[in-house]
Amino acid sequence: MGVRDEKDKKERARLRFQVILAVRSGQITAREGAKRLGVSRKTYYQWEKRGLEGMIKAIEEQESGRPPETVDWEKEELRKKVADLEREVETAKQSEVVRRILTEYEERLQARKPRGKKNRR
């Protein structure tokens, strides 16, 4: 939907709102309101009902602040599993580093050991 369509949609809603207010305040009849909007009285009353219900909902007292976030437990469980797996991978990487260091250390020790001494007497 384009910007122009959105603007037209808002203008039509404003016109409906003005007509509903005129009917509710007794300035015109529901029949006249429906005629101005180019709809049947039945459609006018449907719009009036929807508009008034929407207005009531919009001005109801609501808790202050942001609405509470809904928790997607499946996503939370997956996040925990991913975090656990990331920790396991990090531990495995560190273990591999330690294993390499120990292997190199053992190789150096082996290289320093004398291979076999001849008995000198």
PDB file of N, CA and C in Angstrom:
ATOM      1  N   MET A   1       0.840  -1.171   0.000  1.00  0.00           N
ATOM      2  CA  MET A   1       0.000   0.000   0.000  1.00  0.00           C
ATOM      3  C   MET A   1       0.886   1.235   0.000  1.00  0.00           C
ATOM      4  N   GLY A   2       0.593   2.182  -0.887  1.00  0.00           N
ATOM      5  CA  GLY A   2       1.410   3.366  -1.021  1.00  0.00           C
ATOM      6  C   GLY A   2       1.063   4.428   0.007  1.00  0.00           C
ATOM      7  N   VAL A   3       1.870   5.486   0.014  1.00  0.00           N
ATOM      8  CA  VAL A   3       1.665   6.594   0.946  1.00  0.00           C
ATOM      9  C   VAL A   3       0.326   7.270   0.662  1.00  0.00           C
ATOM     10  N   ARG A   4       0.026   7.413  -0.607  1.00  0.00           N
ATOM     11  CA  ARG A   4      -1.232   8.068  -1.006  1.00  0.00           C
ATOM     12  C   ARG A   4      -2.435   7.259  -0.536  1.00  0.00           C
ATOM     13  N   ASP A   5      -2.378   5.932  -0.702  1.00  0.00           N
ATOM     14  CA  ASP A   5      -3.471   5.069  -0.258  1.00  0.00           C
ATOM     15  C   ASP A   5      -3.658   5.170   1.250  1.00  0.00           C
ATOM     16  N   GLU A   6      -2.548   5.230   1.962  1.00  0.00           N
ATOM     17  CA  GLU A   6      -2.599   5.321   3.420  1.00  0.00           C
ATOM     18  C   GLU A   6      -3.238   6.650   3.834  1.00  0.00           C
ATOM     19  N   LYS A   7      -2.881   7.711   3.129  1.00  0.00           N
ATOM     20  CA  LYS A   7      -3.448   9.025   3.429  1.00  0.00           C
ATOM     21  C   LYS A   7      -4.949   9.038   3.150  1.00  0.00           C
ATOM     22  N   ASP A   8      -5.361   8.455   2.027  1.00  0.00           N
ATOM     23  CA  ASP A   8      -6.785   8.372   1.688  1.00  0.00           C
ATOM     24  C   ASP A   8      -7.542   7.571   2.738  1.00  0.00           C
ATOM     25  N   LYS A   9      -6.936   6.509   3.189  1.00  0.00           N
ATOM     26  CA  LYS A   9      -7.550   5.649   4.191  1.00  0.00           C
ATOM     27  C   LYS A   9      -7.786   6.431   5.488  1.00  0.00           C
ATOM     28  N   LYS A  10      -6.807   7.234   5.876  1.00  0.00           N
ATOM     29  CA  LYS A  10      -6.939   8.035   7.092  1.00  0.00           C
ATOM     30  C   LYS A  10      -8.012   9.117   6.921  1.00  0.00           C
ATOM     31  N   GLU A  11      -8.068   9.703   5.734  1.00  0.00           N
ATOM     32  CA  GLU A  11      -9.080  10.732   5.475  1.00  0.00           C
ATOM     33  C   GLU A  11     -10.485  10.139   5.551  1.00  0.00           C
ATOM     34  N   ARG A  12     -10.657   8.952   4.982  1.00  0.00           N
ATOM     35  CA  ARG A  12     -11.972   8.291   5.043  1.00  0.00           C
ATOM     36  C   ARG A  12     -12.338   7.974   6.493  1.00  0.00           C
ATOM     37  N   ALA A  13     -11.367   7.551   7.276  1.00  0.00           N
ATOM     38  CA  ALA A  13     -11.622   7.248   8.685  1.00  0.00           C
ATOM     39  C   ALA A  13     -12.011   8.520   9.443  1.00  0.00           C
ATOM     40  N   ARG A  14     -11.346   9.635   9.141  1.00  0.00           N
ATOM     41  CA  ARG A  14     -11.684  10.900   9.788  1.00  0.00           C
ATOM     42  C   ARG A  14     -13.113  11.331   9.456  1.00  0.00           C
ATOM     43  N   LEU A  15     -13.474  11.173   8.196  1.00  0.00           N
ATOM     44  CA  LEU A  15     -14.827  11.533   7.774  1.00  0.00           C
ATOM     45  C   LEU A  15     -15.847  10.667   8.524  1.00  0.00           C
ATOM     46  N   ARG A  16     -15.602   9.386   8.608  1.00  0.00           N
ATOM     47  CA  ARG A  16     -16.506   8.498   9.348  1.00  0.00           C
ATOM     48  C   ARG A  16     -16.616   8.953  10.798  1.00  0.00           C
ATOM     49  N   PHE A  17     -15.466   9.283  11.400  1.00  0.00           N
ATOM     50  CA  PHE A  17     -15.436   9.730  12.788  1.00  0.00           C
ATOM     51  C   PHE A  17     -16.291  10.988  12.964  1.00  0.00           C
ATOM     52  N   GLN A  18     -16.144  11.956  12.060  1.00  0.00           N
ATOM     53  CA  GLN A  18     -16.899  13.205  12.150  1.00  0.00           C
ATOM     54  C   GLN A  18     -18.404  12.951  12.025  1.00  0.00           C
ATOM     55  N   VAL A  19     -18.768  12.057  11.113  1.00  0.00           N
ATOM     56  CA  VAL A  19     -20.186  11.747  10.921  1.00  0.00           C
ATOM     57  C   VAL A  19     -20.742  11.044  12.159  1.00  0.00           C
ATOM     58  N   ILE A  20     -19.982  10.095  12.695  1.00  0.00           N
ATOM     59  CA  ILE A  20     -20.439   9.381  13.897  1.00  0.00           C
ATOM     60  C   ILE A  20     -20.644  10.368  15.046  1.00  0.00           C
ATOM     61  N   LEU A  21     -19.691  11.294  15.225  1.00  0.00           N
ATOM     62  CA  LEU A  21     -19.849  12.301  16.281  1.00  0.00           C
ATOM     63  C   LEU A  21     -21.090  13.172  16.042  1.00  0.00           C
ATOM     64  N   ALA A  22     -21.325  13.534  14.796  1.00  0.00           N
ATOM     65  CA  ALA A  22     -22.498  14.357  14.474  1.00  0.00           C
ATOM     66  C   ALA A  22     -23.791  13.597  14.795  1.00  0.00           C
ATOM     67  N   VAL A  23     -23.816  12.309  14.478  1.00  0.00           N
ATOM     68  CA  VAL A  23     -25.004  11.499  14.785  1.00  0.00           C
ATOM     69  C   VAL A  23     -25.161  11.355  16.291  1.00  0.00           C
ATOM     70  N   ARG A  24     -24.082  11.011  16.985  1.00  0.00           N
ATOM     71  CA  ARG A  24     -24.152  10.766  18.432  1.00  0.00           C
ATOM     72  C   ARG A  24     -24.520  12.038  19.199  1.00  0.00           C
ATOM     73  N   SER A  25     -24.128  13.202  18.665  1.00  0.00           N
ATOM     74  CA  SER A  25     -24.448  14.463  19.352  1.00  0.00           C
ATOM     75  C   SER A  25     -25.831  14.992  18.962  1.00  0.00           C
ATOM     76  N   GLY A  26     -26.517  14.282  18.061  1.00  0.00           N
ATOM     77  CA  GLY A  26     -27.872  14.672  17.685  1.00  0.00           C
ATOM     78  C   GLY A  26     -27.933  15.729  16.596  1.00  0.00           C
ATOM     79  N   GLN A  27     -26.823  16.074  15.978  1.00  0.00           N
ATOM     80  CA  GLN A  27     -26.824  17.086  14.927  1.00  0.00           C
ATOM     81  C   GLN A  27     -27.486  16.566  13.652  1.00  0.00           C
ATOM     82  N   ILE A  28     -27.302  15.270  13.380  1.00  0.00           N
ATOM     83  CA  ILE A  28     -27.925  14.645  12.210  1.00  0.00           C
ATOM     84  C   ILE A  28     -28.445  13.269  12.625  1.00  0.00           C
ATOM     85  N   THR A  29     -29.283  12.683  11.789  1.00  0.00           N
ATOM     86  CA  THR A  29     -29.811  11.345  12.081  1.00  0.00           C
ATOM     87  C   THR A  29     -28.848  10.287  11.533  1.00  0.00           C
ATOM     88  N   ALA A  30     -29.041   9.071  11.993  1.00  0.00           N
ATOM     89  CA  ALA A  30     -28.225   7.959  11.499  1.00  0.00           C
ATOM     90  C   ALA A  30     -28.465   7.775  10.003  1.00  0.00           C
ATOM     91  N   ARG A  31     -29.704   7.982   9.568  1.00  0.00           N
ATOM     92  CA  ARG A  31     -30.023   7.866   8.139  1.00  0.00           C
ATOM     93  C   ARG A  31     -29.220   8.899   7.341  1.00  0.00           C
ATOM     94  N   GLU A  32     -29.173  10.142   7.834  1.00  0.00           N
ATOM     95  CA  GLU A  32     -28.403  11.210   7.158  1.00  0.00           C
ATOM     96  C   GLU A  32     -26.912  10.882   7.185  1.00  0.00           C
ATOM     97  N   GLY A  33     -26.420  10.365   8.317  1.00  0.00           N
ATOM     98  CA  GLY A  33     -25.014   9.984   8.416  1.00  0.00           C
ATOM     99  C   GLY A  33     -24.656   8.903   7.414  1.00  0.00           C
ATOM    100  N   ALA A  34     -25.505   7.900   7.309  1.00  0.00           N
ATOM    101  CA  ALA A  34     -25.267   6.818   6.347  1.00  0.00           C
ATOM    102  C   ALA A  34     -25.263   7.368   4.930  1.00  0.00           C
ATOM    103  N   LYS A  35     -26.190   8.284   4.652  1.00  0.00           N
ATOM    104  CA  LYS A  35     -26.267   8.888   3.312  1.00  0.00           C
ATOM    105  C   LYS A  35     -24.992   9.668   2.988  1.00  0.00           C
ATOM    106  N   ARG A  36     -24.489  10.445   3.965  1.00  0.00           N
ATOM    107  CA  ARG A  36     -23.255  11.224   3.747  1.00  0.00           C
ATOM    108  C   ARG A  36     -22.060  10.304   3.465  1.00  0.00           C
ATOM    109  N   LEU A  37     -22.080   9.147   4.098  1.00  0.00           N
ATOM    110  CA  LEU A  37     -20.969   8.204   3.911  1.00  0.00           C
ATOM    111  C   LEU A  37     -21.186   7.284   2.721  1.00  0.00           C
ATOM    112  N   GLY A  38     -22.395   7.299   2.149  1.00  0.00           N
ATOM    113  CA  GLY A  38     -22.675   6.478   0.973  1.00  0.00           C
ATOM    114  C   GLY A  38     -22.817   4.995   1.305  1.00  0.00           C
ATOM    115  N   VAL A  39     -23.351   4.717   2.505  1.00  0.00           N
ATOM    116  CA  VAL A  39     -23.525   3.324   2.925  1.00  0.00           C
ATOM    117  C   VAL A  39     -24.929   3.145   3.481  1.00  0.00           C
ATOM    118  N   SER A  40     -25.309   1.901   3.710  1.00  0.00           N
ATOM    119  CA  SER A  40     -26.612   1.623   4.318  1.00  0.00           C
ATOM    120  C   SER A  40     -26.568   1.988   5.802  1.00  0.00           C
ATOM    121  N   ARG A  41     -27.768   2.122   6.398  1.00  0.00           N
ATOM    122  CA  ARG A  41     -27.808   2.389   7.837  1.00  0.00           C
ATOM    123  C   ARG A  41     -27.183   1.248   8.620  1.00  0.00           C
ATOM    124  N   LYS A  42     -27.369   0.021   8.147  1.00  0.00           N
ATOM    125  CA  LYS A  42     -26.793  -1.150   8.821  1.00  0.00           C
ATOM    126  C   LYS A  42     -25.264  -1.026   8.862  1.00  0.00           C
ATOM    127  N   THR A  43     -24.661  -0.683   7.714  1.00  0.00           N
ATOM    128  CA  THR A  43     -23.203  -0.515   7.659  1.00  0.00           C
ATOM    129  C   THR A  43     -22.765   0.639   8.549  1.00  0.00           C
ATOM    130  N   TYR A  44     -23.571   1.742   8.521  1.00  0.00           N
ATOM    131  CA  TYR A  44     -23.229   2.878   9.385  1.00  0.00           C
ATOM    132  C   TYR A  44     -23.178   2.425  10.839  1.00  0.00           C
ATOM    133  N   TYR A  45     -24.184   1.684  11.300  1.00  0.00           N
ATOM    134  CA  TYR A  45     -24.223   1.245  12.697  1.00  0.00           C
ATOM    135  C   TYR A  45     -23.065   0.285  13.020  1.00  0.00           C
ATOM    136  N   GLN A  46     -22.675  -0.518  12.056  1.00  0.00           N
ATOM    137  CA  GLN A  46     -21.512  -1.399  12.275  1.00  0.00           C
ATOM    138  C   GLN A  46     -20.248  -0.566  12.485  1.00  0.00           C
ATOM    139  N   TRP A  47     -20.081   0.453  11.637  1.00  0.00           N
ATOM    140  CA  TRP A  47     -18.916   1.318  11.767  1.00  0.00           C
ATOM    141  C   TRP A  47     -18.960   2.083  13.093  1.00  0.00           C
ATOM    142  N   GLU A  48     -20.142   2.558  13.449  1.00  0.00           N
ATOM    143  CA  GLU A  48     -20.292   3.302  14.693  1.00  0.00           C
ATOM    144  C   GLU A  48     -19.902   2.415  15.876  1.00  0.00           C
ATOM    145  N   LYS A  49     -20.402   1.200  15.879  1.00  0.00           N
ATOM    146  CA  LYS A  49     -20.093   0.279  16.973  1.00  0.00           C
ATOM    147  C   LYS A  49     -18.588   0.013  17.047  1.00  0.00           C
ATOM    148  N   ARG A  50     -17.980  -0.284  15.882  1.00  0.00           N
ATOM    149  CA  ARG A  50     -16.530  -0.545  15.849  1.00  0.00           C
ATOM    150  C   ARG A  50     -15.743   0.673  16.317  1.00  0.00           C
ATOM    151  N   GLY A  51     -16.155   1.847  15.878  1.00  0.00           N
ATOM    152  CA  GLY A  51     -15.460   3.075  16.242  1.00  0.00           C
ATOM    153  C   GLY A  51     -15.553   3.366  17.728  1.00  0.00           C
ATOM    154  N   LEU A  52     -16.738   3.205  18.288  1.00  0.00           N
ATOM    155  CA  LEU A  52     -16.908   3.469  19.713  1.00  0.00           C
ATOM    156  C   LEU A  52     -16.169   2.434  20.560  1.00  0.00           C
ATOM    157  N   GLU A  53     -16.200   1.179  20.147  1.00  0.00           N
ATOM    158  CA  GLU A  53     -15.457   0.141  20.879  1.00  0.00           C
ATOM    159  C   GLU A  53     -13.952   0.417  20.823  1.00  0.00           C
ATOM    160  N   GLY A  54     -13.487   0.847  19.651  1.00  0.00           N
ATOM    161  CA  GLY A  54     -12.063   1.170  19.507  1.00  0.00           C
ATOM    162  C   GLY A  54     -11.663   2.348  20.374  1.00  0.00           C
ATOM    163  N   MET A  55     -12.543   3.340  20.451  1.00  0.00           N
ATOM    164  CA  MET A  55     -12.252   4.516  21.258  1.00  0.00           C
ATOM    165  C   MET A  55     -12.203   4.120  22.738  1.00  0.00           C
ATOM    166  N   ILE A  56     -13.144   3.310  23.167  1.00  0.00           N
ATOM    167  CA  ILE A  56     -13.158   2.876  24.564  1.00  0.00           C
ATOM    168  C   ILE A  56     -11.886   2.101  24.883  1.00  0.00           C
ATOM    169  N   LYS A  57     -11.520   1.201  23.995  1.00  0.00           N
ATOM    170  CA  LYS A  57     -10.304   0.412  24.225  1.00  0.00           C
ATOM    171  C   LYS A  57      -9.069   1.322  24.281  1.00  0.00           C
ATOM    172  N   ALA A  58      -9.042   2.320  23.416  1.00  0.00           N
ATOM    173  CA  ALA A  58      -7.883   3.213  23.355  1.00  0.00           C
ATOM    174  C   ALA A  58      -7.731   4.062  24.614  1.00  0.00           C
ATOM    175  N   ILE A  59      -8.838   4.374  25.287  1.00  0.00           N
ATOM    176  CA  ILE A  59      -8.735   5.250  26.455  1.00  0.00           C
ATOM    177  C   ILE A  59      -8.881   4.504  27.780  1.00  0.00           C
ATOM    178  N   GLU A  60      -8.951   3.175  27.734  1.00  0.00           N
ATOM    179  CA  GLU A  60      -8.986   2.404  28.980  1.00  0.00           C
ATOM    180  C   GLU A  60      -7.702   2.647  29.750  1.00  0.00           C
ATOM    181  N   GLU A  61      -7.806   2.563  31.071  1.00  0.00           N
ATOM    182  CA  GLU A  61      -6.597   2.694  31.881  1.00  0.00           C
ATOM    183  C   GLU A  61      -5.729   1.480  31.629  1.00  0.00           C
ATOM    184  N   GLN A  62      -4.471   1.747  31.426  1.00  0.00           N
ATOM    185  CA  GLN A  62      -3.521   0.682  31.164  1.00  0.00           C
ATOM    186  C   GLN A  62      -2.364   0.811  32.135  1.00  0.00           C
ATOM    187  N   GLU A  63      -1.677  -0.295  32.355  1.00  0.00           N
ATOM    188  CA  GLU A  63      -0.507  -0.241  33.217  1.00  0.00           C
ATOM    189  C   GLU A  63       0.527   0.670  32.582  1.00  0.00           C
ATOM    190  N   SER A  64       1.217   1.414  33.439  1.00  0.00           N
ATOM    191  CA  SER A  64       2.241   2.300  32.908  1.00  0.00           C
ATOM    192  C   SER A  64       3.477   1.496  32.528  1.00  0.00           C
ATOM    193  N   GLY A  65       4.274   2.078  31.677  1.00  0.00           N
ATOM    194  CA  GLY A  65       5.501   1.425  31.242  1.00  0.00           C
ATOM    195  C   GLY A  65       5.267   0.526  30.047  1.00  0.00           C
ATOM    196  N   ARG A  66       6.330  -0.154  29.707  1.00  0.00           N
ATOM    197  CA  ARG A  66       6.253  -1.052  28.563  1.00  0.00           C
ATOM    198  C   ARG A  66       5.429  -2.287  28.906  1.00  0.00           C
ATOM    199  N   PRO A  67       4.729  -2.807  27.907  1.00  0.00           N
ATOM    200  CA  PRO A  67       3.999  -4.047  28.179  1.00  0.00           C
ATOM    201  C   PRO A  67       4.992  -5.176  28.419  1.00  0.00           C
ATOM    202  N   PRO A  68       4.623  -6.137  29.237  1.00  0.00           N
ATOM    203  CA  PRO A  68       5.559  -7.230  29.512  1.00  0.00           C
ATOM    204  C   PRO A  68       5.855  -8.015  28.235  1.00  0.00           C
ATOM    205  N   GLU A  69       7.091  -8.443  28.135  1.00  0.00           N
ATOM    206  CA  GLU A  69       7.472  -9.220  26.957  1.00  0.00           C
ATOM    207  C   GLU A  69       6.963 -10.641  27.122  1.00  0.00           C
ATOM    208  N   THR A  70       6.477 -11.171  26.040  1.00  0.00           N
ATOM    209  CA  THR A  70       6.065 -12.567  26.090  1.00  0.00           C
ATOM    210  C   THR A  70       7.307 -13.421  25.899  1.00  0.00           C
ATOM    211  N   VAL A  71       7.380 -14.478  26.663  1.00  0.00           N
ATOM    212  CA  VAL A  71       8.553 -15.343  26.613  1.00  0.00           C
ATOM    213  C   VAL A  71       8.247 -16.543  25.728  1.00  0.00           C
ATOM    214  N   ASP A  72       9.091 -16.745  24.752  1.00  0.00           N
ATOM    215  CA  ASP A  72       8.983 -17.924  23.897  1.00  0.00           C
ATOM    216  C   ASP A  72       9.893 -18.974  24.512  1.00  0.00           C
ATOM    217  N   TRP A  73       9.295 -19.897  25.246  1.00  0.00           N
ATOM    218  CA  TRP A  73      10.079 -20.875  26.011  1.00  0.00           C
ATOM    219  C   TRP A  73      10.928 -21.751  25.117  1.00  0.00           C
ATOM    220  N   GLU A  74      10.442 -22.042  23.928  1.00  0.00           N
ATOM    221  CA  GLU A  74      11.227 -22.871  23.006  1.00  0.00           C
ATOM    222  C   GLU A  74      12.511 -22.145  22.604  1.00  0.00           C
ATOM    223  N   LYS A  75      12.389 -20.848  22.297  1.00  0.00           N
ATOM    224  CA  LYS A  75      13.574 -20.058  21.952  1.00  0.00           C
ATOM    225  C   LYS A  75      14.531 -19.956  23.127  1.00  0.00           C
ATOM    226  N   GLU A  76      13.982 -19.767  24.332  1.00  0.00           N
ATOM    227  CA  GLU A  76      14.832 -19.668  25.521  1.00  0.00           C
ATOM    228  C   GLU A  76      15.606 -20.968  25.735  1.00  0.00           C
ATOM    229  N   GLU A  77      14.927 -22.085  25.554  1.00  0.00           N
ATOM    230  CA  GLU A  77      15.587 -23.387  25.708  1.00  0.00           C
ATOM    231  C   GLU A  77      16.700 -23.548  24.677  1.00  0.00           C
ATOM    232  N   LEU A  78      16.429 -23.125  23.446  1.00  0.00           N
ATOM    233  CA  LEU A  78      17.453 -23.206  22.397  1.00  0.00           C
ATOM    234  C   LEU A  78      18.632 -22.290  22.704  1.00  0.00           C
ATOM    235  N   ARG A  79      18.356 -21.086  23.241  1.00  0.00           N
ATOM    236  CA  ARG A  79      19.443 -20.168  23.614  1.00  0.00           C
ATOM    237  C   ARG A  79      20.344 -20.805  24.671  1.00  0.00           C
ATOM    238  N   LYS A  80      19.719 -21.462  25.655  1.00  0.00           N
ATOM    239  CA  LYS A  80      20.501 -22.123  26.706  1.00  0.00           C
ATOM    240  C   LYS A  80      21.357 -23.243  26.121  1.00  0.00           C
ATOM    241  N   LYS A  81      20.771 -24.023  25.220  1.00  0.00           N
ATOM    242  CA  LYS A  81      21.528 -25.117  24.611  1.00  0.00           C
ATOM    243  C   LYS A  81      22.701 -24.581  23.801  1.00  0.00           C
ATOM    244  N   VAL A  82      22.467 -23.488  23.057  1.00  0.00           N
ATOM    245  CA  VAL A  82      23.542 -22.891  22.267  1.00  0.00           C
ATOM    246  C   VAL A  82      24.652 -22.399  23.192  1.00  0.00           C
ATOM    247  N   ALA A  83      24.277 -21.747  24.294  1.00  0.00           N
ATOM    248  CA  ALA A  83      25.279 -21.252  25.245  1.00  0.00           C
ATOM    249  C   ALA A  83      26.076 -22.413  25.834  1.00  0.00           C
ATOM    250  N   ASP A  84      25.388 -23.501  26.182  1.00  0.00           N
ATOM    251  CA  ASP A  84      26.082 -24.680  26.714  1.00  0.00           C
ATOM    252  C   ASP A  84      27.048 -25.259  25.684  1.00  0.00           C
ATOM    253  N   LEU A  85      26.592 -25.361  24.438  1.00  0.00           N
ATOM    254  CA  LEU A  85      27.456 -25.903  23.384  1.00  0.00           C
ATOM    255  C   LEU A  85      28.657 -24.999  23.131  1.00  0.00           C
ATOM    256  N   GLU A  86      28.450 -23.686  23.186  1.00  0.00           N
ATOM    257  CA  GLU A  86      29.568 -22.762  23.000  1.00  0.00           C
ATOM    258  C   GLU A  86      30.597 -22.931  24.112  1.00  0.00           C
ATOM    259  N   ARG A  87      30.121 -23.130  25.358  1.00  0.00           N
ATOM    260  CA  ARG A  87      31.053 -23.379  26.464  1.00  0.00           C
ATOM    261  C   ARG A  87      31.813 -24.688  26.247  1.00  0.00           C
ATOM    262  N   GLU A  88      31.111 -25.712  25.790  1.00  0.00           N
ATOM    263  CA  GLU A  88      31.768 -26.999  25.534  1.00  0.00           C
ATOM    264  C   GLU A  88      32.837 -26.868  24.450  1.00  0.00           C
ATOM    265  N   VAL A  89      32.531 -26.120  23.393  1.00  0.00           N
ATOM    266  CA  VAL A  89      33.502 -25.918  22.309  1.00  0.00           C
ATOM    267  C   VAL A  89      34.725 -25.181  22.847  1.00  0.00           C
ATOM    268  N   GLU A  90      34.503 -24.149  23.645  1.00  0.00           N
ATOM    269  CA  GLU A  90      35.618 -23.391  24.204  1.00  0.00           C
ATOM    270  C   GLU A  90      36.476 -24.277  25.105  1.00  0.00           C
ATOM    271  N   THR A  91      35.826 -25.108  25.901  1.00  0.00           N
ATOM    272  CA  THR A  91      36.561 -26.038  26.766  1.00  0.00           C
ATOM    273  C   THR A  91      37.372 -27.018  25.929  1.00  0.00           C
ATOM    274  N   ALA A  92      36.785 -27.514  24.853  1.00  0.00           N
ATOM    275  CA  ALA A  92      37.491 -28.448  23.974  1.00  0.00           C
ATOM    276  C   ALA A  92      38.705 -27.774  23.332  1.00  0.00           C
ATOM    277  N   LYS A  93      38.552 -26.522  22.923  1.00  0.00           N
ATOM    278  CA  LYS A  93      39.677 -25.790  22.339  1.00  0.00           C
ATOM    279  C   LYS A  93      40.807 -25.633  23.350  1.00  0.00           C
ATOM    280  N   GLN A  94      40.438 -25.253  24.566  1.00  0.00           N
ATOM    281  CA  GLN A  94      41.455 -25.078  25.605  1.00  0.00           C
ATOM    282  C   GLN A  94      42.125 -26.408  25.936  1.00  0.00           C
ATOM    283  N   SER A  95      41.349 -27.475  25.967  1.00  0.00           N
ATOM    284  CA  SER A  95      41.918 -28.800  26.232  1.00  0.00           C
ATOM    285  C   SER A  95      42.903 -29.189  25.145  1.00  0.00           C
ATOM    286  N   GLU A  96      42.589 -28.874  23.920  1.00  0.00           N
ATOM    287  CA  GLU A  96      43.486 -29.192  22.799  1.00  0.00           C
ATOM    288  C   GLU A  96      44.785 -28.413  22.921  1.00  0.00           C
ATOM    289  N   VAL A  97      44.708 -27.156  23.314  1.00  0.00           N
ATOM    290  CA  VAL A  97      45.913 -26.347  23.503  1.00  0.00           C
ATOM    291  C   VAL A  97      46.780 -26.962  24.599  1.00  0.00           C
ATOM    292  N   VAL A  98      46.172 -27.320  25.713  1.00  0.00           N
ATOM    293  CA  VAL A  98      46.914 -27.940  26.814  1.00  0.00           C
ATOM    294  C   VAL A  98      47.525 -29.259  26.352  1.00  0.00           C
ATOM    295  N   ARG A  99      46.783 -30.038  25.604  1.00  0.00           N
ATOM    296  CA  ARG A  99      47.279 -31.331  25.103  1.00  0.00           C
ATOM    297  C   ARG A  99      48.520 -31.127  24.219  1.00  0.00           C
ATOM    298  N   ARG A 100      48.469 -30.116  23.341  1.00  0.00           N
ATOM    299  CA  ARG A 100      49.617 -29.831  22.471  1.00  0.00           C
ATOM    300  C   ARG A 100      50.832 -29.398  23.292  1.00  0.00           C
ATOM    301  N   ILE A 101      50.599 -28.542  24.280  1.00  0.00           N
ATOM    302  CA  ILE A 101      51.701 -28.071  25.128  1.00  0.00           C
ATOM    303  C   ILE A 101      52.338 -29.248  25.859  1.00  0.00           C
ATOM    304  N   LEU A 102      51.516 -30.129  26.394  1.00  0.00           N
ATOM    305  CA  LEU A 102      52.043 -31.293  27.114  1.00  0.00           C
ATOM    306  C   LEU A 102      52.816 -32.223  26.178  1.00  0.00           C
ATOM    307  N   THR A 103      52.293 -32.393  24.974  1.00  0.00           N
ATOM    308  CA  THR A 103      52.979 -33.247  23.998  1.00  0.00           C
ATOM    309  C   THR A 103      54.341 -32.661  23.657  1.00  0.00           C
ATOM    310  N   GLU A 104      54.388 -31.350  23.397  1.00  0.00           N
ATOM    311  CA  GLU A 104      55.669 -30.700  23.102  1.00  0.00           C
ATOM    312  C   GLU A 104      56.628 -30.812  24.281  1.00  0.00           C
ATOM    313  N   TYR A 105      56.127 -30.646  25.481  1.00  0.00           N
ATOM    314  CA  TYR A 105      56.948 -30.742  26.685  1.00  0.00           C
ATOM    315  C   TYR A 105      57.537 -32.144  26.811  1.00  0.00           C
ATOM    316  N   GLU A 106      56.706 -33.154  26.604  1.00  0.00           N
ATOM    317  CA  GLU A 106      57.193 -34.540  26.675  1.00  0.00           C
ATOM    318  C   GLU A 106      58.247 -34.808  25.609  1.00  0.00           C
ATOM    319  N   GLU A 107      58.032 -34.267  24.406  1.00  0.00           N
ATOM    320  CA  GLU A 107      59.006 -34.461  23.328  1.00  0.00           C
ATOM    321  C   GLU A 107      60.345 -33.805  23.689  1.00  0.00           C
ATOM    322  N   ARG A 108      60.301 -32.642  24.294  1.00  0.00           N
ATOM    323  CA  ARG A 108      61.533 -31.968  24.701  1.00  0.00           C
ATOM    324  C   ARG A 108      62.258 -32.744  25.801  1.00  0.00           C
ATOM    325  N   LEU A 109      61.489 -33.258  26.722  1.00  0.00           N
ATOM    326  CA  LEU A 109      62.097 -34.070  27.781  1.00  0.00           C
ATOM    327  C   LEU A 109      62.778 -35.308  27.197  1.00  0.00           C
ATOM    328  N   GLN A 110      62.099 -35.928  26.247  1.00  0.00           N
ATOM    329  CA  GLN A 110      62.659 -37.115  25.612  1.00  0.00           C
ATOM    330  C   GLN A 110      63.944 -36.760  24.858  1.00  0.00           C
ATOM    331  N   ALA A 111      63.969 -35.595  24.248  1.00  0.00           N
ATOM    332  CA  ALA A 111      65.147 -35.177  23.492  1.00  0.00           C
ATOM    333  C   ALA A 111      66.324 -34.882  24.416  1.00  0.00           C
ATOM    334  N   ARG A 112      66.094 -34.458  25.626  1.00  0.00           N
ATOM    335  CA  ARG A 112      67.152 -34.135  26.572  1.00  0.00           C
ATOM    336  C   ARG A 112      67.738 -35.364  27.254  1.00  0.00           C
ATOM    337  N   LYS A 113      66.974 -36.425  27.341  1.00  0.00           N
ATOM    338  CA  LYS A 113      67.476 -37.621  28.024  1.00  0.00           C
ATOM    339  C   LYS A 113      68.629 -38.209  27.241  1.00  0.00           C
ATOM    340  N   PRO A 114      69.640 -38.567  27.963  1.00  0.00           N
ATOM    341  CA  PRO A 114      70.735 -39.233  27.257  1.00  0.00           C
ATOM    342  C   PRO A 114      70.236 -40.579  26.747  1.00  0.00           C
ATOM    343  N   ARG A 115      70.656 -40.933  25.593  1.00  0.00           N
ATOM    344  CA  ARG A 115      70.133 -42.127  24.944  1.00  0.00           C
ATOM    345  C   ARG A 115      70.801 -43.398  25.474  1.00  0.00           C
ATOM    346  N   GLY A 116      71.826 -43.387  25.865  1.00  0.00           N
ATOM    347  CA  GLY A 116      72.480 -44.578  26.387  1.00  0.00           C
ATOM    348  C   GLY A 116      73.928 -44.238  26.662  1.00  0.00           C
ATOM    349  N   LYS A 117      74.302 -44.343  27.878  1.00  0.00           N
ATOM    350  CA  LYS A 117      75.661 -43.999  28.248  1.00  0.00           C
ATOM    351  C   LYS A 117      76.518 -45.249  28.151  1.00  0.00           C
ATOM    352  N   LYS A 118      77.681 -45.036  27.641  1.00  0.00           N
ATOM    353  CA  LYS A 118      78.649 -46.148  27.622  1.00  0.00           C
ATOM    354  C   LYS A 118      79.375 -46.128  28.947  1.00  0.00           C
ATOM    355  N   ASN A 119      79.566 -47.275  29.458  1.00  0.00           N
ATOM    356  CA  ASN A 119      80.291 -47.352  30.717  1.00  0.00           C
ATOM    357  C   ASN A 119      81.756 -47.130  30.493  1.00  0.00           C
ATOM    358  N   ARG A 120      82.301 -46.185  31.130  1.00  0.00           N
ATOM    359  CA  ARG A 120      83.729 -45.888  30.999  1.00  0.00           C
ATOM    360  C   ARG A 120      84.409 -46.387  32.261  1.00  0.00           C
ATOM    361  N   ARG A 121      85.282 -47.296  32.151  1.00  0.00           N
ATOM    362  CA  ARG A 121      86.055 -47.771  33.271  1.00  0.00           C
ATOM    363  C   ARG A 121      87.437 -47.945  32.885  1.00  0.00           C
TER     364      ARG A 121
END
